[in-house]
Amino acid sequence: MAAKAERKLRVVADNRKARFNYFIEDSMEAGLALTGTEVKSLRQGKATIAESYADARGGEIWLINSNIPEYLQANRFNHTPKRPRKLLLHRRQISKLIGAVEREGMTLVPLKLYFNEKGRAKVELALARGKKLYDKRETEKKRSWDRERGRLMRQKG
């Protein structure tokens, strides 16, 4: 069998601090319930998910505090930029995520907001555990040492 070709994704927003602040346990793809002006704003490449998170409310998963700015040409039919957005997942996935958040004290963090090959807006959602300050220092130390080791190896030849 031939290897699967790399999927074509157009990344709109990336949460780069998430991997520094959290231990990523599991990740999954979720759809977003959006209005027309939100999609048009995303297609322009304007969105931030740096300080956003996902939360379980009423048996559903919602993306909270993500910022999709208003679409300028929409006039009065615009959306509110920081409204909660429903994530589209299967019932089994929702129950798994809710159980992990409630029982194990984990957090749902969005890693990436993108358009898939069919042109649908998706979010990569991670089940994560928060890092303590000493874990963050250890990560920074390791990253610094790896950078220095690479520099030394290049100098040696």
Foldseek 3Di string as FASTA:
>chain_A
DDDDDDWDKAFLEFQPCDVLFWDFDDKDKWAWDDDPQLLVLSVVSDWYQNPWFWDDDPLFIKIFQIFRDGRVVPPPPTDDGGDIITIHDDSVVSVVLVCCCVPVVWTKGWGTWIATPVRGIMTIITTTDGDDPVVSVVVVVVVVVVVVVVVVVVVVD
